[in-house]
Amino acid sequence: MNTKARVAGLVLLAFSAVAPVLAQDSGADVYKAKCASCHGATGLADSGAGKAMKVKPATDPDVKKMTLDEMIAVTTDGKGKMPAYKGKLTDAQIKASVEFYRTFAK
C-alpha cells in the first residue's frame, strides 16, 4: 500500500471515531436526552412532567428576557425545581443545549 493511501485511511479512521462523539454533543441531542422530559420536545413545557411542575415555556416573557449566561448558570447550578447539571454534562454540552433551547423562543 502506498503512503498516500495509508494516510487517507488513517484520516478516515480518525474522523469516523470522532463523528459519533460530536453528534452526541450537539445541542439538540443533549436537549432531547436531558431536557425535553420537562421542557417539552419543542420548549413549550407541554410534557407531563413540565405540566406537573408548571415549567415555563421558552416563549414565556420571563424566560425570553434571560441572558445566555443566566440560563447557563441555572442549568449548571440548578435553581428551584431545575436540577444542577454540573458534573453531569460538560460546559460545552450545557452551552449547546441552552443555545438549542433558546431557538424555541423565536
Protein backbone atom coordinates (compact mmCIF):
# COMPACT_ATOMS: atom_id res chain seq x y z
CA MET A 1 0.00 0.00 0.00
CA ASN A 2 1.42 3.41 -0.88
CA THR A 3 1.93 6.22 1.63
CA LYS A 4 -0.96 8.37 0.36
CA ALA A 5 -3.41 5.51 0.74
CA ARG A 6 -2.21 4.82 4.29
CA VAL A 7 -2.54 8.47 5.29
CA ALA A 8 -6.01 8.68 3.75
CA GLY A 9 -7.03 5.53 5.61
CA LEU A 10 -5.75 6.88 8.92
CA VAL A 11 -7.56 10.19 8.41
CA LEU A 12 -10.83 8.40 7.64
CA LEU A 13 -10.40 6.17 10.66
CA ALA A 14 -9.74 9.16 12.92
CA PHE A 15 -12.80 11.06 11.70
CA SER A 16 -15.06 8.02 11.96
CA ALA A 17 -14.09 7.68 15.62
CA VAL A 18 -14.73 11.36 16.35
CA ALA A 19 -18.03 11.75 14.46
CA PRO A 20 -20.22 9.85 16.97
CA VAL A 21 -18.80 11.90 19.85
CA LEU A 22 -19.52 15.15 18.04
CA ALA A 23 -23.06 14.03 17.22
CA GLN A 24 -23.72 13.11 20.85
CA ASP A 25 -22.61 16.55 21.99
CA SER A 26 -24.88 18.55 19.71
CA GLY A 27 -27.26 20.87 21.50
CA ALA A 28 -30.28 19.10 20.02
CA ASP A 29 -29.10 15.69 21.17
CA VAL A 30 -28.25 16.86 24.68
CA TYR A 31 -31.58 18.70 24.92
CA LYS A 32 -33.53 15.64 23.78
CA ALA A 33 -31.69 13.38 26.23
CA LYS A 34 -31.63 15.62 29.30
CA CYS A 35 -34.11 18.49 28.94
CA ALA A 36 -37.12 17.54 26.83
CA SER A 37 -38.72 15.38 29.52
CA CYS A 38 -39.55 18.57 31.46
CA HIS A 39 -39.20 21.38 28.92
CA GLY A 40 -41.01 19.52 26.13
CA ALA A 41 -39.81 18.45 22.70
CA THR A 42 -40.29 21.97 21.35
CA GLY A 43 -39.59 24.01 24.50
CA LEU A 44 -43.25 24.57 25.32
CA ALA A 45 -43.09 22.66 28.63
CA ASP A 46 -46.03 20.60 27.41
CA SER A 47 -44.72 17.25 28.65
CA GLY A 48 -46.36 15.51 31.58
CA ALA A 49 -43.52 16.46 33.90
CA GLY A 50 -43.42 20.01 32.56
CA LYS A 51 -47.12 20.49 33.18
CA ALA A 52 -46.97 18.91 36.64
CA MET A 53 -44.06 21.13 37.71
CA LYS A 54 -45.50 24.20 35.96
CA VAL A 55 -42.32 24.74 33.95
CA LYS A 56 -42.41 27.99 31.99
CA PRO A 57 -42.18 27.56 28.21
CA ALA A 58 -39.32 29.04 26.20
CA THR A 59 -41.79 31.59 24.83
CA ASP A 60 -42.63 32.98 28.30
CA PRO A 61 -41.55 36.65 28.61
CA ASP A 62 -39.61 35.94 31.82
CA VAL A 63 -37.68 33.15 30.11
CA LYS A 64 -37.09 35.16 26.93
CA LYS A 65 -35.52 38.05 28.85
CA MET A 66 -32.90 35.78 30.47
CA THR A 67 -29.42 36.11 29.01
CA LEU A 68 -27.47 33.16 27.68
CA ASP A 69 -25.15 33.38 30.69
CA GLU A 70 -28.08 33.39 33.13
CA MET A 71 -29.55 30.29 31.51
CA ILE A 72 -26.19 28.55 31.53
CA ALA A 73 -25.82 29.36 35.26
CA VAL A 74 -29.28 27.94 36.06
CA THR A 75 -28.56 24.81 34.02
CA THR A 76 -25.14 24.39 35.62
CA ASP A 77 -26.05 25.09 39.25
CA GLY A 78 -29.79 24.41 39.30
CA LYS A 79 -32.50 26.66 40.69
CA GLY A 80 -35.86 25.85 42.23
CA LYS A 81 -37.13 22.68 40.56
CA MET A 82 -34.38 22.80 37.93
CA PRO A 83 -31.69 20.24 38.80
CA ALA A 84 -28.00 21.10 38.53
CA TYR A 85 -26.13 19.55 35.61
CA LYS A 86 -22.63 20.48 36.80
CA GLY A 87 -20.59 17.29 36.72
CA LYS A 88 -23.29 15.52 34.68
CA LEU A 89 -22.71 17.48 31.46
CA THR A 90 -19.65 19.30 30.21
CA ASP A 91 -19.65 23.08 29.96
CA ALA A 92 -19.81 22.72 26.17
CA GLN A 93 -22.83 20.40 26.38
CA ILE A 94 -24.63 22.78 28.73
CA LYS A 95 -23.98 25.76 26.48
CA ALA A 96 -25.04 23.83 23.36
CA SER A 97 -28.27 22.62 24.96
CA VAL A 98 -29.14 26.11 26.23
CA GLU A 99 -28.45 27.62 22.81
CA PHE A 100 -30.71 24.97 21.26
CA TYR A 101 -33.46 25.63 23.83
CA ARG A 102 -33.33 29.36 23.08
CA THR A 103 -34.24 28.66 19.44
CA PHE A 104 -37.73 27.70 20.64
CA ALA A 105 -38.36 31.24 21.89
CA LYS A 106 -38.25 32.74 18.40
